[in-house]
């Protein structure tokens, strides 16, 4: 998932942060040092998870893109920091839960949160979120998203079919029984026009 839409959404809809929103690669580095004043929020990409495909003749699966929002607060007054955490957490929920980070995604959902660290000066709390999308197209007119779809796109178009029927009965007693006798009883063809 692209991080910039999440960053922009938080920056726009969390006024108490006064634009103290950043993007981070990992959470441990935030605990040690922060370039932003507190309170601050960092968007951190996590991972993606997939579920097994549900179709037998196509390759598609649901992908769950996960990310964190790390809340960094001044903890010199612990009671005040915890109250501020409560308010800031609710503001981030209002900005993200239900937001669609891209046309292919379902709305973002909240996946839980936890305290990462607390010392005499800083409180670091993480909120986990996810949004899901489908890997694999819905219509043949859409561009290929998987190798299987790319292979299918390379096949020649289906233009028609010829069916030849060799009926089992009546069977020729001079040939293997039971089974077709090798004589065609029916032949028909059909063409598809586009």
C-alpha atoms as a PDB file:
ATOM      1  CA  UNK A   1       0.000   0.000   0.000  1.00  0.00           C
ATOM      2  CA  UNK A   2       1.213   3.500  -0.737  1.00  0.00           C
ATOM      3  CA  UNK A   3       2.195   5.424   2.387  1.00  0.00           C
ATOM      4  CA  UNK A   4       1.658   8.971   1.081  1.00  0.00           C
ATOM      5  CA  UNK A   5      -2.195   8.756   1.072  1.00  0.00           C
ATOM      6  CA  UNK A   6      -2.108   7.594   4.724  1.00  0.00           C
ATOM      7  CA  UNK A   7       0.349  10.336   5.657  1.00  0.00           C
ATOM      8  CA  UNK A   8      -1.804  12.958   3.917  1.00  0.00           C
ATOM      9  CA  UNK A   9      -5.017  11.680   5.522  1.00  0.00           C
ATOM     10  CA  UNK A  10      -3.567  11.876   9.049  1.00  0.00           C
ATOM     11  CA  UNK A  11      -1.944  15.235   8.427  1.00  0.00           C
ATOM     12  CA  UNK A  12      -5.229  16.653   7.092  1.00  0.00           C
ATOM     13  CA  UNK A  13      -7.656  15.169   9.623  1.00  0.00           C
ATOM     14  CA  UNK A  14      -5.674  15.205  12.887  1.00  0.00           C
ATOM     15  CA  UNK A  15      -5.538  18.926  13.764  1.00  0.00           C
ATOM     16  CA  UNK A  16      -4.133  18.403  17.272  1.00  0.00           C
ATOM     17  CA  UNK A  17      -0.854  17.208  15.723  1.00  0.00           C
ATOM     18  CA  UNK A  18      -0.176  20.565  14.031  1.00  0.00           C
ATOM     19  CA  UNK A  19       1.452  18.756  11.057  1.00  0.00           C
ATOM     20  CA  UNK A  20       3.795  16.674  13.269  1.00  0.00           C
ATOM     21  CA  UNK A  21       3.370  13.602  11.057  1.00  0.00           C
ATOM     22  CA  UNK A  22       6.217  11.529   9.674  1.00  0.00           C
ATOM     23  CA  UNK A  23       6.989   8.311   7.864  1.00  0.00           C
ATOM     24  CA  UNK A  24       9.298   5.730   9.401  1.00  0.00           C
ATOM     25  CA  UNK A  25      10.803   2.480   8.195  1.00  0.00           C
ATOM     26  CA  UNK A  26      10.912   0.714  11.559  1.00  0.00           C
ATOM     27  CA  UNK A  27       9.534   1.231  15.039  1.00  0.00           C
ATOM     28  CA  UNK A  28      12.663   0.655  17.229  1.00  0.00           C
ATOM     29  CA  UNK A  29      14.438   3.701  15.809  1.00  0.00           C
ATOM     30  CA  UNK A  30      11.545   5.945  16.901  1.00  0.00           C
ATOM     31  CA  UNK A  31      12.007   4.998  20.532  1.00  0.00           C
ATOM     32  CA  UNK A  32      15.589   6.236  20.563  1.00  0.00           C
ATOM     33  CA  UNK A  33      15.285   9.528  18.742  1.00  0.00           C
ATOM     34  CA  UNK A  34      12.642  11.624  17.037  1.00  0.00           C
ATOM     35  CA  UNK A  35      13.056  14.610  14.764  1.00  0.00           C
ATOM     36  CA  UNK A  36       9.515  15.835  15.452  1.00  0.00           C
ATOM     37  CA  UNK A  37       8.290  17.532  18.616  1.00  0.00           C
ATOM     38  CA  UNK A  38       5.693  15.666  20.653  1.00  0.00           C
ATOM     39  CA  UNK A  39       2.948  14.750  20.239  1.00  0.00           C
ATOM     40  CA  UNK A  40       3.918  13.219  16.915  1.00  0.00           C
ATOM     41  CA  UNK A  41       2.662  10.425  14.697  1.00  0.00           C
ATOM     42  CA  UNK A  42       4.664   8.181  12.383  1.00  0.00           C
ATOM     43  CA  UNK A  43       3.238   5.911   9.680  1.00  0.00           C
ATOM     44  CA  UNK A  44       5.172   2.635   9.530  1.00  0.00           C
ATOM     45  CA  UNK A  45       4.611  -0.042   6.848  1.00  0.00           C
ATOM     46  CA  UNK A  46       4.400  -3.551   8.312  1.00  0.00           C
ATOM     47  CA  UNK A  47       3.669  -6.495   6.050  1.00  0.00           C
ATOM     48  CA  UNK A  48       1.082  -8.081   3.849  1.00  0.00           C
ATOM     49  CA  UNK A  49      -0.759 -11.328   4.458  1.00  0.00           C
ATOM     50  CA  UNK A  50      -2.691 -13.446   2.009  1.00  0.00           C
ATOM     51  CA  UNK A  51      -5.467 -15.976   2.228  1.00  0.00           C
ATOM     52  CA  UNK A  52      -5.642 -19.085   0.043  1.00  0.00           C
ATOM     53  CA  UNK A  53      -7.366 -18.653  -3.304  1.00  0.00           C
ATOM     54  CA  UNK A  54     -11.012 -19.652  -3.492  1.00  0.00           C
ATOM     55  CA  UNK A  55     -11.273 -20.315  -7.218  1.00  0.00           C
ATOM     56  CA  UNK A  56     -10.332 -23.500  -9.042  1.00  0.00           C
ATOM     57  CA  UNK A  57      -9.765 -22.192 -12.562  1.00  0.00           C
ATOM     58  CA  UNK A  58      -8.185 -18.814 -11.804  1.00  0.00           C
ATOM     59  CA  UNK A  59      -5.477 -17.392  -9.598  1.00  0.00           C
ATOM     60  CA  UNK A  60      -6.805 -14.846  -7.146  1.00  0.00           C
ATOM     61  CA  UNK A  61      -6.477 -14.203  -3.445  1.00  0.00           C
ATOM     62  CA  UNK A  62      -7.241 -11.549  -0.872  1.00  0.00           C
ATOM     63  CA  UNK A  63      -4.215  -9.529   0.247  1.00  0.00           C
ATOM     64  CA  UNK A  64      -4.247  -7.776   3.614  1.00  0.00           C
ATOM     65  CA  UNK A  65      -1.831  -4.816   3.668  1.00  0.00           C
ATOM     66  CA  UNK A  66      -0.887  -3.966   7.243  1.00  0.00           C
ATOM     67  CA  UNK A  67       0.627  -0.785   8.660  1.00  0.00           C
ATOM     68  CA  UNK A  68       1.162   0.897  12.009  1.00  0.00           C
ATOM     69  CA  UNK A  69       0.686   4.391  13.260  1.00  0.00           C
ATOM     70  CA  UNK A  70       3.154   5.105  16.060  1.00  0.00           C
ATOM     71  CA  UNK A  71       2.122   7.764  18.581  1.00  0.00           C
ATOM     72  CA  UNK A  72       5.030   9.509  20.280  1.00  0.00           C
ATOM     73  CA  UNK A  73       4.159  11.572  23.366  1.00  0.00           C
ATOM     74  CA  UNK A  74       5.960  13.533  26.063  1.00  0.00           C
ATOM     75  CA  UNK A  75       5.826  11.384  29.229  1.00  0.00           C
ATOM     76  CA  UNK A  76       7.297  13.824  31.743  1.00  0.00           C
ATOM     77  CA  UNK A  77       3.784  13.925  33.292  1.00  0.00           C
ATOM     78  CA  UNK A  78       2.524  10.299  32.925  1.00  0.00           C
ATOM     79  CA  UNK A  79      -1.128  11.021  33.787  1.00  0.00           C
ATOM     80  CA  UNK A  80      -1.312  13.831  31.271  1.00  0.00           C
ATOM     81  CA  UNK A  81       0.455  11.660  28.645  1.00  0.00           C
ATOM     82  CA  UNK A  82      -2.101   8.847  29.082  1.00  0.00           C
ATOM     83  CA  UNK A  83      -5.028  11.259  28.724  1.00  0.00           C
ATOM     84  CA  UNK A  84      -3.405  12.806  25.650  1.00  0.00           C
ATOM     85  CA  UNK A  85      -2.854   9.282  24.257  1.00  0.00           C
ATOM     86  CA  UNK A  86      -6.569   8.540  24.636  1.00  0.00           C
ATOM     87  CA  UNK A  87      -7.558  11.692  22.712  1.00  0.00           C
ATOM     88  CA  UNK A  88      -4.905  11.312  20.013  1.00  0.00           C
ATOM     89  CA  UNK A  89      -5.803   7.664  19.443  1.00  0.00           C
ATOM     90  CA  UNK A  90      -9.452   8.621  18.873  1.00  0.00           C
ATOM     91  CA  UNK A  91      -8.419  11.350  16.443  1.00  0.00           C
ATOM     92  CA  UNK A  92      -6.294   8.898  14.404  1.00  0.00           C
ATOM     93  CA  UNK A  93      -9.231   6.445  14.323  1.00  0.00           C
ATOM     94  CA  UNK A  94     -11.501   9.185  12.957  1.00  0.00           C
ATOM     95  CA  UNK A  95      -8.930   9.953  10.252  1.00  0.00           C
ATOM     96  CA  UNK A  96      -8.226   6.379   9.116  1.00  0.00           C
ATOM     97  CA  UNK A  97     -10.968   3.851   9.963  1.00  0.00           C
ATOM     98  CA  UNK A  98     -13.194   3.592   6.893  1.00  0.00           C
ATOM     99  CA  UNK A  99     -10.790   5.540   4.639  1.00  0.00           C
ATOM    100  CA  UNK A 100      -9.994   3.853   1.290  1.00  0.00           C
ATOM    101  CA  UNK A 101      -6.257   4.304   0.574  1.00  0.00           C
ATOM    102  CA  UNK A 102      -6.735   3.414  -3.103  1.00  0.00           C
ATOM    103  CA  UNK A 103      -9.482   2.455  -5.545  1.00  0.00           C
ATOM    104  CA  UNK A 104      -8.602  -1.255  -5.343  1.00  0.00           C
ATOM    105  CA  UNK A 105      -8.734  -1.365  -1.519  1.00  0.00           C
ATOM    106  CA  UNK A 106     -11.548  -2.005   0.907  1.00  0.00           C
ATOM    107  CA  UNK A 107     -11.854   0.590   3.696  1.00  0.00           C
ATOM    108  CA  UNK A 108      -9.165   0.581   6.403  1.00  0.00           C
ATOM    109  CA  UNK A 109      -9.943  -1.348   9.589  1.00  0.00           C
ATOM    110  CA  UNK A 110      -8.412  -1.084  13.056  1.00  0.00           C
ATOM    111  CA  UNK A 111      -6.461  -4.163  14.209  1.00  0.00           C
ATOM    112  CA  UNK A 112      -5.484  -3.225  17.783  1.00  0.00           C
ATOM    113  CA  UNK A 113      -2.849  -1.286  19.635  1.00  0.00           C
ATOM    114  CA  UNK A 114      -0.279  -1.612  22.403  1.00  0.00           C
ATOM    115  CA  UNK A 115       2.250   0.251  24.473  1.00  0.00           C
ATOM    116  CA  UNK A 116       5.739  -0.149  23.004  1.00  0.00           C
ATOM    117  CA  UNK A 117       7.785   1.800  25.541  1.00  0.00           C
ATOM    118  CA  UNK A 118       7.456   4.257  28.370  1.00  0.00           C
ATOM    119  CA  UNK A 119      10.311   6.047  30.102  1.00  0.00           C
ATOM    120  CA  UNK A 120      10.727   9.306  32.000  1.00  0.00           C
ATOM    121  CA  UNK A 121      10.552  11.416  28.847  1.00  0.00           C
ATOM    122  CA  UNK A 122       8.781   9.509  26.049  1.00  0.00           C
ATOM    123  CA  UNK A 123       5.735   7.300  25.552  1.00  0.00           C
ATOM    124  CA  UNK A 124       5.546   5.241  22.355  1.00  0.00           C
ATOM    125  CA  UNK A 125       2.248   3.561  21.497  1.00  0.00           C
ATOM    126  CA  UNK A 126       1.413   1.707  18.300  1.00  0.00           C
ATOM    127  CA  UNK A 127      -1.917   1.379  16.505  1.00  0.00           C
ATOM    128  CA  UNK A 128      -2.189  -1.385  13.887  1.00  0.00           C
ATOM    129  CA  UNK A 129      -4.424  -1.061  10.824  1.00  0.00           C
ATOM    130  CA  UNK A 130      -5.083  -3.007   7.638  1.00  0.00           C
ATOM    131  CA  UNK A 131      -6.854  -2.740   4.305  1.00  0.00           C
ATOM    132  CA  UNK A 132      -7.592  -5.582   1.901  1.00  0.00           C
ATOM    133  CA  UNK A 133      -7.651  -5.900  -1.868  1.00  0.00           C
ATOM    134  CA  UNK A 134      -7.995  -8.716  -4.371  1.00  0.00           C
ATOM    135  CA  UNK A 135      -4.973  -9.942  -6.302  1.00  0.00           C
ATOM    136  CA  UNK A 136      -6.365 -11.224  -9.596  1.00  0.00           C
ATOM    137  CA  UNK A 137      -8.731  -9.472 -11.937  1.00  0.00           C
ATOM    138  CA  UNK A 138     -12.504  -9.813 -12.055  1.00  0.00           C
ATOM    139  CA  UNK A 139     -13.068  -9.275 -15.787  1.00  0.00           C
ATOM    140  CA  UNK A 140     -11.059 -10.424 -18.823  1.00  0.00           C
ATOM    141  CA  UNK A 141     -11.024  -6.822 -20.070  1.00  0.00           C
ATOM    142  CA  UNK A 142      -8.923  -5.735 -17.058  1.00  0.00           C
ATOM    143  CA  UNK A 143      -5.100  -5.890 -17.239  1.00  0.00           C
ATOM    144  CA  UNK A 144      -3.392  -9.076 -16.016  1.00  0.00           C
ATOM    145  CA  UNK A 145      -2.363  -9.052 -12.338  1.00  0.00           C
ATOM    146  CA  UNK A 146      -0.862 -12.567 -12.120  1.00  0.00           C
ATOM    147  CA  UNK A 147       1.304 -14.808 -14.302  1.00  0.00           C
ATOM    148  CA  UNK A 148      -1.650 -17.148 -14.904  1.00  0.00           C
ATOM    149  CA  UNK A 149      -3.722 -14.262 -16.263  1.00  0.00           C
ATOM    150  CA  UNK A 150      -0.821 -13.152 -18.468  1.00  0.00           C
ATOM    151  CA  UNK A 151      -0.539 -16.695 -19.868  1.00  0.00           C
ATOM    152  CA  UNK A 152      -4.282 -16.831 -20.576  1.00  0.00           C
ATOM    153  CA  UNK A 153      -4.086 -13.466 -22.345  1.00  0.00           C
ATOM    154  CA  UNK A 154      -1.444 -14.943 -24.683  1.00  0.00           C
ATOM    155  CA  UNK A 155      -3.660 -17.813 -25.868  1.00  0.00           C
ATOM    156  CA  UNK A 156      -5.392 -17.521 -29.249  1.00  0.00           C
ATOM    157  CA  UNK A 157      -9.052 -16.580 -29.157  1.00  0.00           C
ATOM    158  CA  UNK A 158     -11.630 -19.365 -29.050  1.00  0.00           C
ATOM    159  CA  UNK A 159     -13.327 -19.227 -32.456  1.00  0.00           C
ATOM    160  CA  UNK A 160     -15.284 -22.453 -32.669  1.00  0.00           C
ATOM    161  CA  UNK A 161     -15.565 -26.165 -31.945  1.00  0.00           C
ATOM    162  CA  UNK A 162     -16.100 -29.414 -33.853  1.00  0.00           C
ATOM    163  CA  UNK A 163     -17.640 -32.401 -32.026  1.00  0.00           C
ATOM    164  CA  UNK A 164     -17.399 -35.966 -33.348  1.00  0.00           C
ATOM    165  CA  UNK A 165     -19.552 -38.591 -31.599  1.00  0.00           C
ATOM    166  CA  UNK A 166     -18.827 -42.334 -31.649  1.00  0.00           C
ATOM    167  CA  UNK A 167     -21.685 -43.922 -29.693  1.00  0.00           C
ATOM    168  CA  UNK A 168     -21.034 -46.952 -27.464  1.00  0.00           C
ATOM    169  CA  UNK A 169     -24.250 -48.742 -28.506  1.00  0.00           C
ATOM    170  CA  UNK A 170     -24.807 -50.493 -30.728  1.00  0.00           C
ATOM    171  CA  UNK A 171     -21.318 -51.946 -30.337  1.00  0.00           C
ATOM    172  CA  UNK A 172     -19.617 -53.896 -33.138  1.00  0.00           C
ATOM    173  CA  UNK A 173     -19.412 -57.545 -31.917  1.00  0.00           C
ATOM    174  CA  UNK A 174     -16.123 -57.969 -33.842  1.00  0.00           C
ATOM    175  CA  UNK A 175     -14.424 -55.241 -31.742  1.00  0.00           C
ATOM    176  CA  UNK A 176     -13.726 -54.886 -28.030  1.00  0.00           C
ATOM    177  CA  UNK A 177     -16.942 -54.858 -25.956  1.00  0.00           C
ATOM    178  CA  UNK A 178     -18.328 -52.653 -24.565  1.00  0.00           C
ATOM    179  CA  UNK A 179     -17.007 -49.547 -26.188  1.00  0.00           C
ATOM    180  CA  UNK A 180     -17.038 -47.341 -29.250  1.00  0.00           C
ATOM    181  CA  UNK A 181     -16.704 -49.144 -32.555  1.00  0.00           C
ATOM    182  CA  UNK A 182     -14.665 -46.468 -34.332  1.00  0.00           C
ATOM    183  CA  UNK A 183     -17.489 -45.324 -36.649  1.00  0.00           C
ATOM    184  CA  UNK A 184     -18.689 -41.747 -36.238  1.00  0.00           C
ATOM    185  CA  UNK A 185     -22.446 -41.545 -35.847  1.00  0.00           C
ATOM    186  CA  UNK A 186     -22.631 -37.739 -35.486  1.00  0.00           C
ATOM    187  CA  UNK A 187     -20.476 -34.717 -36.340  1.00  0.00           C
ATOM    188  CA  UNK A 188     -21.330 -31.072 -35.797  1.00  0.00           C
ATOM    189  CA  UNK A 189     -19.475 -27.753 -35.674  1.00  0.00           C
ATOM    190  CA  UNK A 190     -20.110 -24.349 -34.208  1.00  0.00           C
ATOM    191  CA  UNK A 191     -18.355 -21.036 -34.801  1.00  0.00           C
ATOM    192  CA  UNK A 192     -18.235 -18.059 -32.458  1.00  0.00           C
ATOM    193  CA  UNK A 193     -18.567 -14.607 -33.956  1.00  0.00           C
ATOM    194  CA  UNK A 194     -17.396 -11.586 -32.061  1.00  0.00           C
END
